[in-house]
Protein backbone atom coordinates (compact mmCIF):
# COMPACT_ATOMS: atom_id res chain seq x y z
CA ASP A 1 2.54 5.98 0.88
CA VAL A 2 -1.02 4.67 0.64
CA ASP A 3 -0.20 1.22 -0.80
CA PRO A 4 -0.03 -0.60 2.59
CA PHE A 5 -3.54 0.59 3.53
CA MET A 6 -7.13 -0.24 2.73
CA PHE A 7 -9.44 2.79 2.74
CA TYR A 8 -13.11 2.60 3.65
CA VAL A 9 -15.09 5.66 2.58
CA LEU A 10 -18.49 6.54 4.04
CA CYS A 11 -20.91 8.56 1.91
CA GLU A 12 -24.22 10.19 2.65
CA VAL A 13 -26.79 9.94 -0.14
CA THR A 14 -29.11 12.86 -0.86
CA ASP A 15 -31.40 13.83 -3.72
CA ILE A 16 -28.47 15.46 -5.52
CA GLY A 17 -25.95 12.64 -5.12
CA TYR A 18 -23.30 11.13 -2.89
CA HIS A 19 -21.33 13.20 -0.39
CA ILE A 20 -18.18 11.90 1.30
CA VAL A 21 -18.72 12.05 5.06
CA GLY A 22 -15.43 10.54 6.16
CA TYR A 23 -13.18 7.53 5.97
CA PHE A 24 -10.95 5.23 7.91
CA SER A 25 -7.86 3.37 6.84
CA LYS A 26 -6.51 0.04 7.93
CA GLU A 27 -3.09 -1.45 7.38
CA LYS A 28 -3.36 -4.44 5.06
CA GLN A 29 -0.80 -6.49 6.99
CA SER A 30 -1.59 -5.48 10.57
CA GLN A 31 -2.51 -8.37 12.84
CA GLU A 32 -3.62 -6.18 15.77
CA ASN A 33 -4.79 -2.80 14.50
CA ASN A 34 -8.20 -2.62 12.90
CA LEU A 35 -7.96 1.10 12.23
CA ALA A 36 -4.96 3.31 11.42
CA CYS A 37 -6.51 6.70 10.66
CA ILE A 38 -10.04 8.07 10.87
CA LEU A 39 -11.55 11.31 9.62
CA THR A 40 -15.03 12.79 9.60
CA PHE A 41 -15.28 16.01 7.59
CA PRO A 42 -16.18 19.05 9.72
CA GLN A 43 -19.65 19.62 8.26
CA PHE A 44 -20.59 16.03 9.22
CA GLN A 45 -19.10 15.98 12.71
CA ARG A 46 -21.24 15.50 15.83
CA LYS A 47 -23.77 13.41 13.88
CA GLY A 48 -22.50 9.99 14.96
CA TYR A 49 -20.55 9.22 11.80
CA GLY A 50 -17.22 8.82 13.62
CA LYS A 51 -18.59 6.10 15.85
CA LEU A 52 -20.30 4.53 12.83
CA LEU A 53 -16.88 4.31 11.13
CA ILE A 54 -15.37 2.82 14.30
CA SER A 55 -18.27 0.36 14.41
CA ILE A 56 -17.66 -0.67 10.80
CA SER A 57 -13.98 -1.29 11.55
CA TYR A 58 -14.96 -3.66 14.38
CA GLU A 59 -17.58 -5.46 12.30
CA LEU A 60 -14.91 -6.06 9.62
CA THR A 61 -12.59 -7.33 12.35
CA LYS A 62 -15.24 -9.79 13.52
CA LEU A 63 -15.83 -10.94 9.93
CA GLU A 64 -12.11 -11.73 9.79
CA ASP A 65 -12.61 -13.75 13.01
CA LYS A 66 -10.15 -11.50 14.85
CA THR A 67 -10.07 -8.89 17.56
CA GLY A 68 -8.61 -5.47 17.07
CA SER A 69 -7.64 -2.13 18.43
CA PRO A 70 -6.92 1.24 16.86
CA GLU A 71 -3.36 2.23 16.14
CA LYS A 72 -1.87 3.82 19.23
CA PRO A 73 -1.25 6.37 20.63
CA LEU A 74 -4.74 7.82 20.33
CA SER A 75 -5.32 11.54 20.20
CA ASP A 76 -7.33 13.10 23.04
CA LEU A 77 -10.44 13.17 20.84
CA GLY A 78 -9.71 9.61 19.71
CA LYS A 79 -9.57 8.44 23.34
CA ILE A 80 -12.93 10.04 24.06
CA SER A 81 -14.55 8.58 20.95
CA TYR A 82 -13.19 5.08 21.44
CA ARG A 83 -13.92 4.98 25.18
CA SER A 84 -17.51 6.04 24.47
CA TYR A 85 -17.87 3.42 21.72
CA TRP A 86 -16.27 0.65 23.79
CA ALA A 87 -18.39 1.47 26.86
CA TYR A 88 -21.59 1.37 24.82
CA VAL A 89 -20.78 -1.85 22.95
CA ILE A 90 -19.48 -3.62 26.05
CA GLY A 91 -22.57 -2.45 27.94
CA GLU A 92 -24.77 -3.92 25.20
CA ALA A 93 -22.84 -7.20 25.37
CA LEU A 94 -23.32 -7.32 29.15
CA LEU A 95 -27.01 -6.51 28.77
CA ASP A 96 -27.43 -9.28 26.18
CA THR A 97 -25.56 -11.84 28.28
CA TYR A 98 -26.69 -10.82 31.77
CA ASN A 99 -28.31 -14.19 32.48
CA ASP A 100 -25.02 -15.91 31.65
CA SER A 101 -23.27 -15.67 35.00
CA LYS A 102 -20.03 -16.87 33.45
CA ILE A 103 -19.41 -14.02 31.03
CA THR A 104 -15.69 -13.30 30.89
CA ILE A 105 -13.46 -10.62 29.46
CA THR A 106 -12.52 -13.11 26.75
CA GLY A 107 -16.22 -13.71 26.06
CA ILE A 108 -16.82 -9.97 25.71
CA GLN A 109 -13.79 -9.76 23.44
CA ARG A 110 -15.22 -12.50 21.22
CA LEU A 111 -18.69 -10.86 21.08
CA THR A 112 -17.43 -7.35 20.32
CA GLY A 113 -14.16 -7.81 18.41
CA ILE A 114 -12.52 -5.43 20.90
CA LYS A 115 -8.99 -6.37 21.97
CA TYR A 116 -8.62 -7.85 25.50
CA ASP A 117 -6.64 -4.91 26.92
CA ASP A 118 -9.22 -2.40 25.65
CA VAL A 119 -12.08 -4.45 27.17
CA LEU A 120 -10.20 -4.64 30.46
CA SER A 121 -9.43 -0.92 30.64
CA THR A 122 -12.98 0.03 29.63
CA LEU A 123 -14.58 -2.23 32.24
CA HIS A 124 -12.24 -0.67 34.81
CA ALA A 125 -13.19 2.87 33.71
CA MET A 126 -16.89 1.90 33.87
CA GLY A 127 -16.43 0.71 37.45
CA LEU A 128 -17.51 -2.82 36.52
CA LEU A 129 -14.26 -4.61 37.27
CA LYS A 130 -13.51 -6.02 40.70
CA ALA A 131 -10.44 -7.85 41.94
CA TRP A 132 -10.99 -11.06 43.89
CA LYS A 133 -8.32 -13.58 44.85
CA GLY A 134 -5.95 -12.22 42.20
CA GLN A 135 -8.50 -12.38 39.38
CA HIS A 136 -10.65 -9.83 37.59
CA LEU A 137 -14.39 -10.24 38.04
CA ILE A 138 -17.07 -8.39 36.10
CA SER A 139 -19.60 -6.91 38.51
CA VAL A 140 -22.83 -5.83 36.80
CA THR A 141 -25.50 -4.09 38.89
CA GLN A 142 -29.22 -3.68 38.23
CA ASP A 143 -28.65 0.09 38.15
CA PHE A 144 -26.11 -0.32 35.36
CA LEU A 145 -28.50 -2.53 33.37
CA LYS A 146 -31.32 0.03 33.70
CA LYS A 147 -29.05 2.83 32.45
CA GLN A 148 -27.86 0.67 29.56
CA LYS A 149 -31.45 -0.13 28.52
CA LYS A 150 -32.26 3.60 28.49
CA SER A 151 -29.28 4.35 26.25
CA LYS A 152 -30.37 1.83 23.58
CA ASN A 153 -30.39 3.17 20.01
CA LYS A 154 -28.52 6.35 20.98
CA MET A 155 -25.42 5.39 19.05
CA ARG A 156 -25.29 4.99 15.29
CA LEU A 157 -23.74 1.57 14.70
CA CYS A 158 -23.08 -0.61 11.69
CA ASP A 159 -25.86 -3.02 10.81
CA VAL A 160 -23.84 -6.09 9.94
CA ASP A 161 -26.71 -7.40 7.78
CA CYS A 162 -26.20 -4.41 5.47
CA LEU A 163 -22.45 -4.92 5.24
CA THR A 164 -21.11 -6.48 2.05
CA TRP A 165 -17.42 -7.19 2.35
CA VAL A 166 -14.89 -9.57 0.86
CA ALA A 167 -11.50 -10.06 2.47
CA PRO A 168 -8.67 -8.60 0.39
CA PRO A 169 -6.43 -11.18 -1.26
CA PRO A 170 -3.22 -11.98 0.61
CA ARG A 171 -0.18 -10.03 -0.45
CA SER A 172 2.86 -11.73 -1.90
CA ARG A 173 5.57 -11.74 0.79
CA ASP A 174 8.45 -11.58 -1.67
CA SER A 175 7.65 -8.61 -3.85
CA GLY A 176 5.31 -6.57 -1.67
CA LYS A 177 2.88 -6.49 -4.62
CA GLN A 178 -0.57 -7.94 -4.85
CA PRO A 179 -0.64 -11.47 -6.32
CA LYS A 180 -2.06 -11.83 -9.80
CA LEU A 181 -5.61 -13.11 -9.82
CA LYS A 182 -6.85 -15.40 -12.55
């Protein structure tokens, strides 16, 4: 049943036309999940398109003024892809806000669109989370910042200025069908 989902299809344009690279789907009514299923066709894998699709899903989430997370459980490959994406994007957010000594997990969540629990677990996996007096503190070192600066532009991400998107109309709660537009 595809009716409860929105599908976002990514194409590569060449001299001979458009070629479908992959897609992701998102449940229309989900309040937490910004991605249900993702696929990059084999001939386009290992070119950064998967992370580009993930990036697009988060940019759409931010346009909706929400935070999101992929539908769980993630496959092994999904865990690797998401952890890599989250680490890069969170690293960029920390690099951009380094002079703000009061950056919080909630602040990172707001900047990236990544759900709180995913930010927390990623910071922990990156070794940037410290416990102090029962609270989580983000501990950013100069070494981390140098590594993050070197990794700039290594990941293919969505350029939000190139994104044209209109929120889908709300669904009618009674019938499960789309409301009629005038």
